[in-house]
Amino acid sequence: MLRQVDEELPALMQESRRQGPPGPNATDGLTKLLLGEDPSAIIQALKGAIRGGVPPVEISKQVAYAAAMRICRFTTANEFNDWITVA
């Protein structure tokens, strides 16, 4: 799936430039989707954000925040080696 997105990325970025600035709610709900379990839905949401004109730096912030939230929600009952994998 990621290879396909890699091939589509230049066209998505061009489309984003034509779109103009995103609306004030362009990233609403993105963190929740990023924390989900469906990789296809996550990829579609990220592509939609790019198409919608959301700057790459804002998308990166959303991804980083979701990654931090995932670590914070990781249960402390797991073995040490599981924590190393997450970190």
N, C-alpha and C. Protein backbone atom coordinates (compact mmCIF):
# COMPACT_ATOMS: atom_id res chain seq x y z
N MET A 1 0.82 -1.19 0.00
CA MET A 1 0.00 0.00 0.00
C MET A 1 0.87 1.26 0.00
N LEU A 2 1.96 1.22 0.76
CA LEU A 2 2.80 2.40 0.84
C LEU A 2 3.55 2.67 -0.46
N ARG A 3 3.92 1.62 -1.16
CA ARG A 3 4.58 1.82 -2.46
C ARG A 3 3.65 2.53 -3.43
N GLN A 4 2.38 2.17 -3.41
CA GLN A 4 1.41 2.82 -4.28
C GLN A 4 1.27 4.30 -3.92
N VAL A 5 1.21 4.60 -2.63
CA VAL A 5 1.12 6.00 -2.18
C VAL A 5 2.38 6.76 -2.59
N ASP A 6 3.52 6.11 -2.49
CA ASP A 6 4.78 6.74 -2.90
C ASP A 6 4.72 7.15 -4.37
N GLU A 7 4.14 6.30 -5.19
CA GLU A 7 3.99 6.62 -6.62
C GLU A 7 2.98 7.74 -6.84
N GLU A 8 1.94 7.80 -6.01
CA GLU A 8 0.89 8.80 -6.16
C GLU A 8 1.25 10.15 -5.55
N LEU A 9 2.24 10.18 -4.68
CA LEU A 9 2.54 11.38 -3.91
C LEU A 9 2.81 12.63 -4.75
N PRO A 10 3.61 12.57 -5.81
CA PRO A 10 3.81 13.79 -6.60
C PRO A 10 2.50 14.37 -7.14
N ALA A 11 1.62 13.53 -7.63
CA ALA A 11 0.33 14.02 -8.16
C ALA A 11 -0.53 14.57 -7.03
N LEU A 12 -0.50 13.92 -5.86
CA LEU A 12 -1.26 14.41 -4.71
C LEU A 12 -0.77 15.79 -4.29
N MET A 13 0.54 15.99 -4.29
CA MET A 13 1.10 17.28 -3.89
C MET A 13 0.73 18.36 -4.90
N GLN A 14 0.72 18.03 -6.19
CA GLN A 14 0.30 19.01 -7.20
C GLN A 14 -1.17 19.38 -7.00
N GLU A 15 -1.99 18.39 -6.75
CA GLU A 15 -3.41 18.63 -6.50
C GLU A 15 -3.59 19.51 -5.27
N SER A 16 -2.77 19.28 -4.26
CA SER A 16 -2.83 20.07 -3.03
C SER A 16 -2.51 21.53 -3.31
N ARG A 17 -1.51 21.78 -4.14
CA ARG A 17 -1.13 23.16 -4.47
C ARG A 17 -2.24 23.88 -5.20
N ARG A 18 -2.96 23.18 -6.04
CA ARG A 18 -4.08 23.79 -6.78
C ARG A 18 -5.27 24.06 -5.86
N GLN A 19 -5.38 23.28 -4.82
CA GLN A 19 -6.51 23.36 -3.90
C GLN A 19 -6.52 24.67 -3.12
N GLY A 20 -5.36 25.20 -2.80
CA GLY A 20 -5.30 26.39 -1.97
C GLY A 20 -5.26 26.01 -0.50
N PRO A 21 -5.35 27.01 0.37
CA PRO A 21 -5.25 26.72 1.80
C PRO A 21 -6.42 25.88 2.30
N PRO A 22 -6.13 25.01 3.27
CA PRO A 22 -7.19 24.14 3.80
C PRO A 22 -8.15 24.92 4.69
N GLY A 23 -9.31 24.36 4.90
CA GLY A 23 -10.27 24.94 5.82
C GLY A 23 -9.80 24.79 7.25
N PRO A 24 -10.41 25.52 8.18
CA PRO A 24 -9.97 25.47 9.57
C PRO A 24 -10.16 24.11 10.24
N ASN A 25 -11.02 23.28 9.70
CA ASN A 25 -11.28 21.96 10.30
C ASN A 25 -10.72 20.82 9.46
N ALA A 26 -9.73 21.11 8.65
CA ALA A 26 -9.21 20.12 7.69
C ALA A 26 -8.63 18.88 8.35
N THR A 27 -8.13 19.01 9.56
CA THR A 27 -7.51 17.84 10.21
C THR A 27 -8.36 17.30 11.36
N ASP A 28 -9.58 17.78 11.50
CA ASP A 28 -10.47 17.27 12.56
C ASP A 28 -10.67 15.77 12.40
N GLY A 29 -10.49 15.04 13.45
CA GLY A 29 -10.71 13.60 13.44
C GLY A 29 -9.55 12.79 12.90
N LEU A 30 -8.50 13.47 12.41
CA LEU A 30 -7.38 12.73 11.82
C LEU A 30 -6.63 11.90 12.86
N THR A 31 -6.42 12.46 14.05
CA THR A 31 -5.71 11.72 15.09
C THR A 31 -6.45 10.43 15.44
N LYS A 32 -7.75 10.52 15.56
CA LYS A 32 -8.54 9.32 15.89
C LYS A 32 -8.38 8.25 14.80
N LEU A 33 -8.40 8.68 13.55
CA LEU A 33 -8.20 7.72 12.46
C LEU A 33 -6.80 7.12 12.50
N LEU A 34 -5.81 7.96 12.78
CA LEU A 34 -4.43 7.47 12.83
C LEU A 34 -4.22 6.46 13.96
N LEU A 35 -5.02 6.56 15.00
CA LEU A 35 -4.93 5.61 16.11
C LEU A 35 -5.72 4.33 15.85
N GLY A 36 -6.41 4.27 14.72
CA GLY A 36 -7.22 3.12 14.38
C GLY A 36 -6.40 1.93 13.94
N GLU A 37 -7.10 0.88 13.58
CA GLU A 37 -6.46 -0.39 13.22
C GLU A 37 -6.53 -0.71 11.72
N ASP A 38 -7.15 0.18 10.94
CA ASP A 38 -7.35 -0.08 9.52
C ASP A 38 -6.35 0.71 8.68
N PRO A 39 -5.27 0.06 8.21
CA PRO A 39 -4.24 0.79 7.46
C PRO A 39 -4.79 1.46 6.20
N SER A 40 -5.74 0.81 5.56
CA SER A 40 -6.32 1.40 4.34
C SER A 40 -7.05 2.70 4.66
N ALA A 41 -7.81 2.73 5.74
CA ALA A 41 -8.52 3.94 6.14
C ALA A 41 -7.54 5.05 6.52
N ILE A 42 -6.45 4.67 7.18
CA ILE A 42 -5.44 5.65 7.57
C ILE A 42 -4.81 6.27 6.32
N ILE A 43 -4.44 5.44 5.37
CA ILE A 43 -3.83 5.94 4.14
C ILE A 43 -4.80 6.84 3.39
N GLN A 44 -6.06 6.43 3.30
CA GLN A 44 -7.06 7.26 2.61
C GLN A 44 -7.24 8.61 3.30
N ALA A 45 -7.22 8.61 4.63
CA ALA A 45 -7.36 9.86 5.38
C ALA A 45 -6.18 10.78 5.13
N LEU A 46 -4.98 10.22 5.12
CA LEU A 46 -3.79 11.03 4.88
C LEU A 46 -3.78 11.57 3.45
N LYS A 47 -4.17 10.75 2.50
CA LYS A 47 -4.27 11.22 1.12
C LYS A 47 -5.32 12.32 0.99
N GLY A 48 -6.43 12.16 1.69
CA GLY A 48 -7.48 13.17 1.68
C GLY A 48 -7.00 14.49 2.26
N ALA A 49 -6.19 14.41 3.32
CA ALA A 49 -5.64 15.63 3.92
C ALA A 49 -4.70 16.33 2.94
N ILE A 50 -3.89 15.55 2.25
CA ILE A 50 -2.98 16.14 1.26
C ILE A 50 -3.79 16.79 0.14
N ARG A 51 -4.76 16.05 -0.38
CA ARG A 51 -5.62 16.61 -1.44
C ARG A 51 -6.33 17.88 -0.98
N GLY A 52 -6.68 17.92 0.30
CA GLY A 52 -7.40 19.06 0.85
C GLY A 52 -6.54 20.28 1.10
N GLY A 53 -5.25 20.18 0.80
CA GLY A 53 -4.37 21.32 0.94
C GLY A 53 -3.69 21.44 2.29
N VAL A 54 -3.81 20.42 3.14
CA VAL A 54 -3.15 20.47 4.44
C VAL A 54 -1.64 20.39 4.20
N PRO A 55 -0.87 21.35 4.74
CA PRO A 55 0.58 21.33 4.52
C PRO A 55 1.23 20.08 5.11
N PRO A 56 2.27 19.58 4.46
CA PRO A 56 2.96 18.38 4.97
C PRO A 56 3.42 18.52 6.42
N VAL A 57 3.84 19.70 6.83
CA VAL A 57 4.29 19.88 8.21
C VAL A 57 3.13 19.66 9.19
N GLU A 58 1.93 20.06 8.83
CA GLU A 58 0.77 19.84 9.71
C GLU A 58 0.40 18.36 9.76
N ILE A 59 0.49 17.69 8.62
CA ILE A 59 0.23 16.25 8.60
C ILE A 59 1.27 15.53 9.46
N SER A 60 2.52 15.95 9.38
CA SER A 60 3.59 15.36 10.19
C SER A 60 3.31 15.55 11.67
N LYS A 61 2.81 16.72 12.05
CA LYS A 61 2.47 16.97 13.46
C LYS A 61 1.37 16.02 13.92
N GLN A 62 0.38 15.81 13.08
CA GLN A 62 -0.72 14.91 13.43
C GLN A 62 -0.22 13.48 13.61
N VAL A 63 0.67 13.04 12.71
CA VAL A 63 1.22 11.68 12.78
C VAL A 63 2.07 11.53 14.04
N ALA A 64 2.92 12.53 14.33
CA ALA A 64 3.77 12.47 15.52
C ALA A 64 2.92 12.44 16.80
N TYR A 65 1.87 13.25 16.83
CA TYR A 65 1.00 13.28 18.00
C TYR A 65 0.31 11.94 18.20
N ALA A 66 -0.18 11.36 17.11
CA ALA A 66 -0.84 10.05 17.21
C ALA A 66 0.16 8.99 17.67
N ALA A 67 1.40 9.06 17.21
CA ALA A 67 2.41 8.09 17.64
C ALA A 67 2.68 8.23 19.14
N ALA A 68 2.76 9.47 19.62
CA ALA A 68 2.97 9.69 21.05
C ALA A 68 1.79 9.18 21.86
N MET A 69 0.59 9.43 21.37
CA MET A 69 -0.61 8.95 22.06
C MET A 69 -0.64 7.43 22.10
N ARG A 70 -0.21 6.79 21.03
CA ARG A 70 -0.20 5.32 21.00
C ARG A 70 0.75 4.78 22.07
N ILE A 71 1.91 5.43 22.22
CA ILE A 71 2.86 5.00 23.25
C ILE A 71 2.27 5.23 24.64
N CYS A 72 1.63 6.38 24.84
CA CYS A 72 1.03 6.68 26.15
C CYS A 72 -0.06 5.68 26.53
N ARG A 73 -0.73 5.15 25.54
CA ARG A 73 -1.83 4.21 25.80
C ARG A 73 -1.37 2.76 25.90
N PHE A 74 -0.09 2.52 25.68
CA PHE A 74 0.45 1.18 25.74
C PHE A 74 0.42 0.71 27.18
N THR A 75 -0.13 -0.43 27.40
CA THR A 75 -0.34 -0.92 28.77
C THR A 75 0.98 -1.23 29.48
N THR A 76 1.04 -0.92 30.75
CA THR A 76 2.25 -1.18 31.54
C THR A 76 2.35 -2.64 31.95
N ALA A 77 1.34 -3.43 31.65
CA ALA A 77 1.38 -4.86 31.98
C ALA A 77 2.24 -5.65 31.01
N ASN A 78 2.67 -5.02 29.93
CA ASN A 78 3.49 -5.73 28.94
C ASN A 78 4.91 -5.97 29.46
N GLU A 79 5.57 -6.94 28.85
CA GLU A 79 6.95 -7.27 29.19
C GLU A 79 7.88 -6.14 28.74
N PHE A 80 9.05 -6.08 29.35
CA PHE A 80 10.04 -5.05 29.03
C PHE A 80 10.37 -5.03 27.53
N ASN A 81 10.56 -6.19 26.93
CA ASN A 81 10.91 -6.25 25.52
C ASN A 81 9.82 -5.65 24.64
N ASP A 82 8.55 -5.78 25.05
CA ASP A 82 7.48 -5.14 24.30
C ASP A 82 7.62 -3.63 24.35
N TRP A 83 8.01 -3.10 25.50
CA TRP A 83 8.20 -1.65 25.63
C TRP A 83 9.33 -1.17 24.75
N ILE A 84 10.40 -1.91 24.66
CA ILE A 84 11.53 -1.53 23.80
C ILE A 84 11.06 -1.44 22.35
N THR A 85 10.23 -2.38 21.93
CA THR A 85 9.70 -2.37 20.57
C THR A 85 8.89 -1.11 20.33
N VAL A 86 8.04 -0.74 21.25
CA VAL A 86 7.20 0.44 21.10
C VAL A 86 8.04 1.71 21.08
N ALA A 87 9.01 1.78 21.97
CA ALA A 87 9.86 2.98 22.06
C ALA A 87 10.70 3.10 20.80
